[in-house]
Amino acid sequence: MFGGPTPTVVRRLVCAALVCAAMATPASAAEEPAVADAEAAGATPAAVEKKPFALELGDFHVRDWRPTRNETPDLRFSVVVVFAAETPDLVRQRLEHWVNRLRDQTIVAVRLVEAKDFAEPDLQQMKRLIQVRISRLLPRLPVEAVLITDFALGDD
């Protein structure tokens, strides 16, 4: 009757789970019952802790970024950038309009990554370069994490 979930839906669910897992700390686990009690007591929304802001930059397909080496590598991945929970709502709305600028900085960062760094299991160097490029674009807005999913490197 219905097909299974689309890859985009699955990717978003995985990214949401990764954001929640990355931001969970032992101290926040102890605070969760207190937040639930505050909500039950009718506390104002300002008293309830906000979630980190995860901005999905979408899918990337980068080909032929090193033409001098007689290679035609094919790189595919998706990126989610996580900003602090204290990010104001107005800034969150404006960031959604800046997705293309952030995508451009991500492509620049990926072109700076050395080929050996793509072999890292957690892609730390690639994540760090993306975070640095985005931090240069938004100097007053701290980037908490860069999540990379659906990473595939191949030659055509």
N, C-alpha and C. Protein backbone atom coordinates (compact mmCIF):
# COMPACT_ATOMS: atom_id res chain seq x y z
N MET A 1 0.82 -1.18 0.00
CA MET A 1 0.00 0.00 0.00
C MET A 1 0.87 1.25 0.00
N PHE A 2 1.69 1.44 1.05
CA PHE A 2 2.61 2.57 1.11
C PHE A 2 4.02 2.04 0.97
N GLY A 3 4.87 2.83 0.31
CA GLY A 3 6.28 2.47 0.24
C GLY A 3 6.96 2.80 1.55
N GLY A 4 8.17 2.38 1.70
CA GLY A 4 8.92 2.67 2.91
C GLY A 4 9.27 4.14 2.97
N PRO A 5 9.86 4.57 4.07
CA PRO A 5 10.24 5.98 4.19
C PRO A 5 11.31 6.34 3.15
N THR A 6 11.24 7.55 2.68
CA THR A 6 12.21 8.00 1.69
C THR A 6 13.56 8.19 2.36
N PRO A 7 14.64 8.15 1.58
CA PRO A 7 15.98 8.33 2.17
C PRO A 7 16.12 9.67 2.88
N THR A 8 15.44 10.71 2.39
CA THR A 8 15.53 12.02 3.03
C THR A 8 14.91 11.99 4.41
N VAL A 9 13.76 11.31 4.55
CA VAL A 9 13.11 11.22 5.85
C VAL A 9 13.98 10.44 6.83
N VAL A 10 14.55 9.34 6.36
CA VAL A 10 15.42 8.54 7.21
C VAL A 10 16.64 9.35 7.63
N ARG A 11 17.22 10.09 6.69
CA ARG A 11 18.40 10.91 6.99
C ARG A 11 18.07 11.97 8.04
N ARG A 12 16.91 12.61 7.91
CA ARG A 12 16.53 13.63 8.88
C ARG A 12 16.31 13.04 10.26
N LEU A 13 15.72 11.84 10.32
CA LEU A 13 15.53 11.19 11.60
C LEU A 13 16.86 10.83 12.24
N VAL A 14 17.79 10.33 11.44
CA VAL A 14 19.11 9.98 11.95
C VAL A 14 19.83 11.23 12.43
N CYS A 15 19.76 12.32 11.67
CA CYS A 15 20.41 13.57 12.08
C CYS A 15 19.81 14.10 13.37
N ALA A 16 18.48 14.03 13.50
CA ALA A 16 17.84 14.48 14.73
C ALA A 16 18.29 13.65 15.92
N ALA A 17 18.42 12.34 15.71
CA ALA A 17 18.88 11.48 16.79
C ALA A 17 20.33 11.78 17.15
N LEU A 18 21.17 12.05 16.13
CA LEU A 18 22.57 12.39 16.40
C LEU A 18 22.70 13.70 17.14
N VAL A 19 21.88 14.68 16.79
CA VAL A 19 21.92 15.97 17.47
C VAL A 19 21.53 15.79 18.93
N CYS A 20 20.48 15.03 19.17
CA CYS A 20 20.06 14.81 20.55
C CYS A 20 21.13 14.06 21.34
N ALA A 21 21.75 13.05 20.72
CA ALA A 21 22.78 12.28 21.41
C ALA A 21 24.02 13.12 21.66
N ALA A 22 24.38 13.97 20.69
CA ALA A 22 25.59 14.79 20.83
C ALA A 22 25.42 15.86 21.91
N MET A 23 24.22 16.34 22.06
CA MET A 23 23.99 17.42 23.00
C MET A 23 23.64 16.93 24.40
N ALA A 24 23.38 15.64 24.57
CA ALA A 24 23.01 15.10 25.88
C ALA A 24 24.26 15.02 26.76
N THR A 25 24.14 15.50 27.96
CA THR A 25 25.22 15.41 28.92
C THR A 25 24.66 14.79 30.20
N PRO A 26 25.51 14.25 31.06
CA PRO A 26 25.00 13.68 32.30
C PRO A 26 24.23 14.70 33.14
N ALA A 27 24.65 15.96 33.10
CA ALA A 27 23.95 16.98 33.88
C ALA A 27 22.57 17.23 33.32
N SER A 28 22.43 17.23 31.99
CA SER A 28 21.11 17.49 31.41
C SER A 28 20.17 16.33 31.65
N ALA A 29 20.71 15.11 31.82
CA ALA A 29 19.86 13.97 32.11
C ALA A 29 19.21 14.13 33.48
N ALA A 30 19.93 14.73 34.40
CA ALA A 30 19.38 14.96 35.73
C ALA A 30 18.36 16.09 35.71
N GLU A 31 18.48 17.02 34.75
CA GLU A 31 17.58 18.15 34.68
C GLU A 31 16.26 17.81 34.00
N GLU A 32 16.20 16.71 33.23
CA GLU A 32 15.00 16.38 32.48
C GLU A 32 13.77 16.23 33.36
N PRO A 33 13.85 15.53 34.52
CA PRO A 33 12.67 15.47 35.37
C PRO A 33 12.24 16.84 35.88
N ALA A 34 13.21 17.72 36.12
CA ALA A 34 12.88 19.06 36.57
C ALA A 34 12.15 19.84 35.49
N VAL A 35 12.55 19.68 34.24
CA VAL A 35 11.88 20.35 33.12
C VAL A 35 10.47 19.82 32.97
N ALA A 36 10.30 18.50 33.10
CA ALA A 36 8.97 17.90 33.00
C ALA A 36 8.08 18.40 34.13
N ASP A 37 8.64 18.54 35.34
CA ASP A 37 7.88 19.06 36.47
C ASP A 37 7.49 20.51 36.24
N ALA A 38 8.40 21.29 35.63
CA ALA A 38 8.12 22.70 35.36
C ALA A 38 7.00 22.82 34.33
N GLU A 39 7.01 21.95 33.32
CA GLU A 39 5.95 21.98 32.32
C GLU A 39 4.62 21.59 32.95
N ALA A 40 4.63 20.58 33.82
CA ALA A 40 3.40 20.14 34.47
C ALA A 40 2.86 21.22 35.40
N ALA A 41 3.73 22.01 36.00
CA ALA A 41 3.30 23.07 36.91
C ALA A 41 2.83 24.30 36.16
N GLY A 42 2.92 24.28 34.83
CA GLY A 42 2.45 25.42 34.05
C GLY A 42 3.48 26.53 33.94
N ALA A 43 4.74 26.19 33.94
CA ALA A 43 5.81 27.19 33.84
C ALA A 43 5.79 27.84 32.46
N THR A 44 6.34 29.00 32.39
CA THR A 44 6.39 29.71 31.12
C THR A 44 7.36 29.03 30.18
N PRO A 45 7.18 29.20 28.85
CA PRO A 45 8.10 28.58 27.90
C PRO A 45 9.54 29.04 28.06
N ALA A 46 9.75 30.24 28.60
CA ALA A 46 11.12 30.74 28.78
C ALA A 46 11.86 29.92 29.83
N ALA A 47 11.12 29.34 30.78
CA ALA A 47 11.76 28.56 31.82
C ALA A 47 12.17 27.18 31.32
N VAL A 48 11.55 26.72 30.24
CA VAL A 48 11.87 25.40 29.69
C VAL A 48 13.06 25.55 28.76
N GLU A 49 14.01 24.62 28.88
CA GLU A 49 15.24 24.68 28.10
C GLU A 49 14.96 24.44 26.63
N LYS A 50 15.60 25.25 25.76
CA LYS A 50 15.45 25.11 24.31
C LYS A 50 16.38 24.01 23.79
N LYS A 51 16.00 23.45 22.66
CA LYS A 51 16.82 22.44 21.99
C LYS A 51 17.85 23.13 21.11
N PRO A 52 18.97 22.48 20.83
CA PRO A 52 19.94 23.05 19.89
C PRO A 52 19.30 23.22 18.51
N PHE A 53 19.76 24.20 17.77
CA PHE A 53 19.22 24.49 16.45
C PHE A 53 20.05 23.76 15.40
N ALA A 54 19.42 22.80 14.73
CA ALA A 54 20.09 22.03 13.68
C ALA A 54 19.60 22.53 12.33
N LEU A 55 20.54 22.98 11.51
CA LEU A 55 20.22 23.50 10.18
C LEU A 55 20.74 22.53 9.14
N GLU A 56 19.83 21.95 8.38
CA GLU A 56 20.22 20.99 7.34
C GLU A 56 20.63 21.74 6.09
N LEU A 57 21.87 21.49 5.64
CA LEU A 57 22.37 22.14 4.44
C LEU A 57 22.07 21.33 3.18
N GLY A 58 21.63 20.11 3.36
CA GLY A 58 21.21 19.31 2.22
C GLY A 58 22.27 18.36 1.71
N ASP A 59 22.00 17.82 0.52
CA ASP A 59 22.90 16.85 -0.11
C ASP A 59 23.93 17.58 -0.97
N PHE A 60 25.13 17.02 -0.99
CA PHE A 60 26.22 17.57 -1.80
C PHE A 60 26.71 16.50 -2.75
N HIS A 61 27.07 16.92 -3.94
CA HIS A 61 27.70 16.04 -4.93
C HIS A 61 28.83 16.84 -5.56
N VAL A 62 30.05 16.54 -5.15
CA VAL A 62 31.22 17.27 -5.62
C VAL A 62 32.02 16.34 -6.52
N ARG A 63 32.26 16.78 -7.74
CA ARG A 63 33.02 15.98 -8.70
C ARG A 63 34.20 16.77 -9.22
N ASP A 64 35.28 16.07 -9.46
CA ASP A 64 36.43 16.63 -10.17
C ASP A 64 36.97 17.88 -9.49
N TRP A 65 37.24 17.79 -8.19
CA TRP A 65 37.78 18.96 -7.51
C TRP A 65 39.30 19.00 -7.52
N ARG A 66 39.94 17.97 -8.06
CA ARG A 66 41.40 17.96 -8.20
C ARG A 66 41.76 17.54 -9.63
N PRO A 67 41.54 18.43 -10.60
CA PRO A 67 41.74 18.04 -11.99
C PRO A 67 43.20 17.82 -12.38
N THR A 68 44.15 18.32 -11.61
CA THR A 68 45.55 18.21 -12.01
C THR A 68 46.13 16.82 -11.75
N ARG A 69 45.46 15.99 -11.03
CA ARG A 69 45.98 14.67 -10.68
C ARG A 69 45.44 13.58 -11.61
N ASN A 70 44.77 13.95 -12.68
CA ASN A 70 44.23 13.01 -13.63
C ASN A 70 43.27 12.02 -12.95
N GLU A 71 42.46 12.55 -12.05
CA GLU A 71 41.45 11.78 -11.34
C GLU A 71 40.10 12.44 -11.54
N THR A 72 39.06 11.65 -11.45
CA THR A 72 37.72 12.20 -11.45
C THR A 72 36.98 11.60 -10.25
N PRO A 73 37.31 12.06 -9.05
CA PRO A 73 36.64 11.52 -7.87
C PRO A 73 35.19 12.03 -7.78
N ASP A 74 34.37 11.24 -7.16
CA ASP A 74 32.96 11.55 -6.99
C ASP A 74 32.66 11.49 -5.49
N LEU A 75 32.30 12.62 -4.91
CA LEU A 75 32.08 12.71 -3.48
C LEU A 75 30.63 13.08 -3.22
N ARG A 76 29.94 12.29 -2.40
CA ARG A 76 28.54 12.56 -2.05
C ARG A 76 28.40 12.51 -0.54
N PHE A 77 27.65 13.47 0.01
CA PHE A 77 27.42 13.51 1.46
C PHE A 77 26.32 14.51 1.76
N SER A 78 25.85 14.49 3.00
CA SER A 78 24.87 15.45 3.50
C SER A 78 25.44 16.08 4.76
N VAL A 79 25.07 17.34 4.99
CA VAL A 79 25.62 18.07 6.14
C VAL A 79 24.49 18.70 6.94
N VAL A 80 24.63 18.60 8.27
CA VAL A 80 23.76 19.30 9.21
C VAL A 80 24.66 20.08 10.15
N VAL A 81 24.37 21.37 10.32
CA VAL A 81 25.15 22.22 11.22
C VAL A 81 24.31 22.48 12.47
N VAL A 82 24.90 22.27 13.64
CA VAL A 82 24.20 22.44 14.90
C VAL A 82 24.71 23.71 15.58
N PHE A 83 23.77 24.60 15.87
CA PHE A 83 24.08 25.84 16.57
C PHE A 83 23.60 25.74 18.01
N ALA A 84 24.06 26.64 18.85
CA ALA A 84 23.74 26.62 20.28
C ALA A 84 22.24 26.75 20.51
N ALA A 85 21.80 26.23 21.65
CA ALA A 85 20.38 26.31 22.01
C ALA A 85 19.97 27.76 22.29
N GLU A 86 20.94 28.60 22.65
CA GLU A 86 20.64 29.99 22.96
C GLU A 86 20.44 30.85 21.72
N THR A 87 20.52 30.27 20.54
CA THR A 87 20.36 31.03 19.30
C THR A 87 18.95 31.62 19.27
N PRO A 88 18.83 32.94 19.16
CA PRO A 88 17.50 33.58 19.14
C PRO A 88 16.67 33.13 17.94
N ASP A 89 15.36 33.21 18.09
CA ASP A 89 14.45 32.77 17.03
C ASP A 89 14.64 33.59 15.76
N LEU A 90 14.89 34.88 15.87
CA LEU A 90 15.10 35.72 14.70
C LEU A 90 16.35 35.28 13.93
N VAL A 91 17.40 34.95 14.65
CA VAL A 91 18.63 34.47 14.00
C VAL A 91 18.38 33.12 13.34
N ARG A 92 17.60 32.27 13.98
CA ARG A 92 17.26 30.97 13.39
C ARG A 92 16.53 31.15 12.06
N GLN A 93 15.61 32.08 12.02
CA GLN A 93 14.88 32.35 10.77
C GLN A 93 15.81 32.89 9.69
N ARG A 94 16.71 33.77 10.07
CA ARG A 94 17.64 34.33 9.09
C ARG A 94 18.64 33.29 8.59
N LEU A 95 19.04 32.38 9.47
CA LEU A 95 19.96 31.32 9.05
C LEU A 95 19.33 30.42 7.99
N GLU A 96 18.04 30.20 8.07
CA GLU A 96 17.37 29.38 7.07
C GLU A 96 17.43 30.04 5.69
N HIS A 97 17.55 31.36 5.65
CA HIS A 97 17.69 32.05 4.37
C HIS A 97 19.15 32.10 3.91
N TRP A 98 20.07 31.74 4.78
CA TRP A 98 21.50 31.75 4.45
C TRP A 98 22.02 30.38 4.07
N VAL A 99 21.15 29.43 3.83
CA VAL A 99 21.57 28.06 3.55
C VAL A 99 22.53 28.00 2.36
N ASN A 100 22.25 28.75 1.29
CA ASN A 100 23.12 28.70 0.11
C ASN A 100 24.51 29.25 0.41
N ARG A 101 24.61 30.28 1.24
CA ARG A 101 25.93 30.80 1.63
C ARG A 101 26.69 29.77 2.45
N LEU A 102 25.98 29.10 3.34
CA LEU A 102 26.62 28.07 4.15
C LEU A 102 27.02 26.87 3.30
N ARG A 103 26.21 26.55 2.30
CA ARG A 103 26.55 25.47 1.37
C ARG A 103 27.82 25.81 0.59
N ASP A 104 27.95 27.07 0.16
CA ASP A 104 29.15 27.50 -0.55
C ASP A 104 30.39 27.32 0.32
N GLN A 105 30.30 27.70 1.58
CA GLN A 105 31.44 27.56 2.49
C GLN A 105 31.77 26.09 2.72
N THR A 106 30.75 25.24 2.73
CA THR A 106 30.98 23.80 2.89
C THR A 106 31.73 23.25 1.68
N ILE A 107 31.37 23.67 0.49
CA ILE A 107 32.05 23.20 -0.72
C ILE A 107 33.51 23.66 -0.72
N VAL A 108 33.75 24.91 -0.32
CA VAL A 108 35.12 25.42 -0.24
C VAL A 108 35.93 24.58 0.76
N ALA A 109 35.34 24.28 1.90
CA ALA A 109 36.03 23.48 2.91
C ALA A 109 36.34 22.08 2.40
N VAL A 110 35.41 21.47 1.69
CA VAL A 110 35.63 20.11 1.18
C VAL A 110 36.75 20.10 0.15
N ARG A 111 36.86 21.14 -0.63
CA ARG A 111 37.93 21.21 -1.62
C ARG A 111 39.30 21.39 -0.96
N LEU A 112 39.32 21.86 0.27
CA LEU A 112 40.57 22.03 1.00
C LEU A 112 41.02 20.76 1.72
N VAL A 113 40.13 19.80 1.86
CA VAL A 113 40.44 18.56 2.57
C VAL A 113 41.39 17.72 1.72
N GLU A 114 42.42 17.17 2.36
CA GLU A 114 43.35 16.30 1.66
C GLU A 114 42.71 14.92 1.46
N ALA A 115 43.16 14.21 0.45
CA ALA A 115 42.57 12.92 0.11
C ALA A 115 42.71 11.91 1.26
N LYS A 116 43.79 11.97 2.01
CA LYS A 116 43.98 11.02 3.11
C LYS A 116 42.97 11.23 4.23
N ASP A 117 42.44 12.45 4.35
CA ASP A 117 41.48 12.73 5.41
C ASP A 117 40.11 12.12 5.14
N PHE A 118 39.83 11.75 3.90
CA PHE A 118 38.56 11.10 3.60
C PHE A 118 38.54 9.67 4.11
N ALA A 119 39.70 9.12 4.46
CA ALA A 119 39.78 7.76 4.98
C ALA A 119 39.50 7.69 6.48
N GLU A 120 39.43 8.83 7.14
CA GLU A 120 39.13 8.84 8.58
C GLU A 120 37.72 8.31 8.81
N PRO A 121 37.53 7.45 9.79
CA PRO A 121 36.18 6.91 10.01
C PRO A 121 35.17 7.95 10.49
N ASP A 122 35.61 8.96 11.22
CA ASP A 122 34.68 9.97 11.72
C ASP A 122 34.79 11.31 10.99
N LEU A 123 35.67 11.39 9.99
CA LEU A 123 35.84 12.59 9.14
C LEU A 123 36.07 13.86 9.97
N GLN A 124 36.89 13.76 11.04
CA GLN A 124 37.11 14.89 11.93
C GLN A 124 37.73 16.09 11.23
N GLN A 125 38.70 15.86 10.36
CA GLN A 125 39.35 16.98 9.66
C GLN A 125 38.36 17.70 8.75
N MET A 126 37.55 16.95 8.06
CA MET A 126 36.55 17.54 7.17
C MET A 126 35.52 18.34 7.98
N LYS A 127 35.06 17.78 9.09
CA LYS A 127 34.12 18.49 9.96
C LYS A 127 34.74 19.78 10.51
N ARG A 128 36.01 19.69 10.90
CA ARG A 128 36.68 20.86 11.46
C ARG A 128 36.81 21.98 10.43
N LEU A 129 37.18 21.61 9.21
CA LEU A 129 37.30 22.63 8.16
C LEU A 129 35.96 23.26 7.83
N ILE A 130 34.90 22.48 7.80
CA ILE A 130 33.57 23.04 7.55
C ILE A 130 33.19 23.98 8.69
N GLN A 131 33.46 23.57 9.93
CA GLN A 131 33.14 24.41 11.08
C GLN A 131 33.92 25.72 11.06
N VAL A 132 35.18 25.67 10.67
CA VAL A 132 36.01 26.88 10.60
C VAL A 132 35.47 27.83 9.53
N ARG A 133 35.12 27.30 8.36
CA ARG A 133 34.62 28.16 7.27
C ARG A 133 33.29 28.82 7.66
N ILE A 134 32.41 28.06 8.31
CA ILE A 134 31.13 28.63 8.72
C ILE A 134 31.33 29.63 9.85
N SER A 135 32.26 29.36 10.74
CA SER A 135 32.54 30.30 11.83
C SER A 135 33.13 31.61 11.31
N ARG A 136 33.86 31.56 10.21
CA ARG A 136 34.37 32.80 9.60
C ARG A 136 33.23 33.61 8.99
N LEU A 137 32.25 32.94 8.47
CA LEU A 137 31.10 33.62 7.87
C LEU A 137 30.20 34.21 8.96
N LEU A 138 30.06 33.50 10.08
CA LEU A 138 29.21 33.92 11.19
C LEU A 138 30.05 33.99 12.47
N PRO A 139 30.87 35.03 12.63
CA PRO A 139 31.84 35.05 13.74
C PRO A 139 31.20 35.11 15.13
N ARG A 140 30.02 35.66 15.27
CA ARG A 140 29.42 35.81 16.59
C ARG A 140 28.45 34.70 16.94
N LEU A 141 28.31 33.74 16.06
CA LEU A 141 27.36 32.65 16.28
C LEU A 141 28.13 31.34 16.40
N PRO A 142 28.23 30.79 17.61
CA PRO A 142 29.04 29.58 17.78
C PRO A 142 28.39 28.34 17.13
N VAL A 143 29.21 27.61 16.39
CA VAL A 143 28.80 26.35 15.79
C VAL A 143 29.19 25.25 16.76
N GLU A 144 28.22 24.51 17.25
CA GLU A 144 28.51 23.46 18.23
C GLU A 144 28.98 22.17 17.58
N ALA A 145 28.41 21.82 16.43
CA ALA A 145 28.79 20.56 15.79
C ALA A 145 28.46 20.61 14.31
N VAL A 146 29.20 19.81 13.56
CA VAL A 146 28.93 19.59 12.14
C VAL A 146 28.73 18.08 11.99
N LEU A 147 27.58 17.70 11.47
CA LEU A 147 27.27 16.28 11.30
C LEU A 147 27.26 15.96 9.81
N ILE A 148 27.98 14.90 9.45
CA ILE A 148 28.06 14.47 8.05
C ILE A 148 27.43 13.08 7.96
N THR A 149 26.46 12.95 7.05
CA THR A 149 25.80 11.67 6.85
C THR A 149 25.87 11.28 5.38
N ASP A 150 25.58 10.03 5.10
CA ASP A 150 25.52 9.50 3.73
C ASP A 150 26.80 9.78 2.96
N PHE A 151 27.95 9.62 3.60
CA PHE A 151 29.22 9.92 2.95
C PHE A 151 29.62 8.78 2.03
N ALA A 152 29.92 9.11 0.78
CA ALA A 152 30.38 8.11 -0.17
C ALA A 152 31.44 8.75 -1.06
N LEU A 153 32.55 8.04 -1.27
CA LEU A 153 33.64 8.51 -2.11
C LEU A 153 33.90 7.44 -3.14
N GLY A 154 33.85 7.81 -4.40
CA GLY A 154 34.09 6.84 -5.47
C GLY A 154 34.69 7.52 -6.68
N ASP A 155 35.14 6.73 -7.62
CA ASP A 155 35.67 7.24 -8.88
C ASP A 155 34.70 6.85 -9.99
N ASP A 156 34.46 7.81 -10.88
CA ASP A 156 33.61 7.53 -12.05
C ASP A 156 34.44 7.16 -13.23
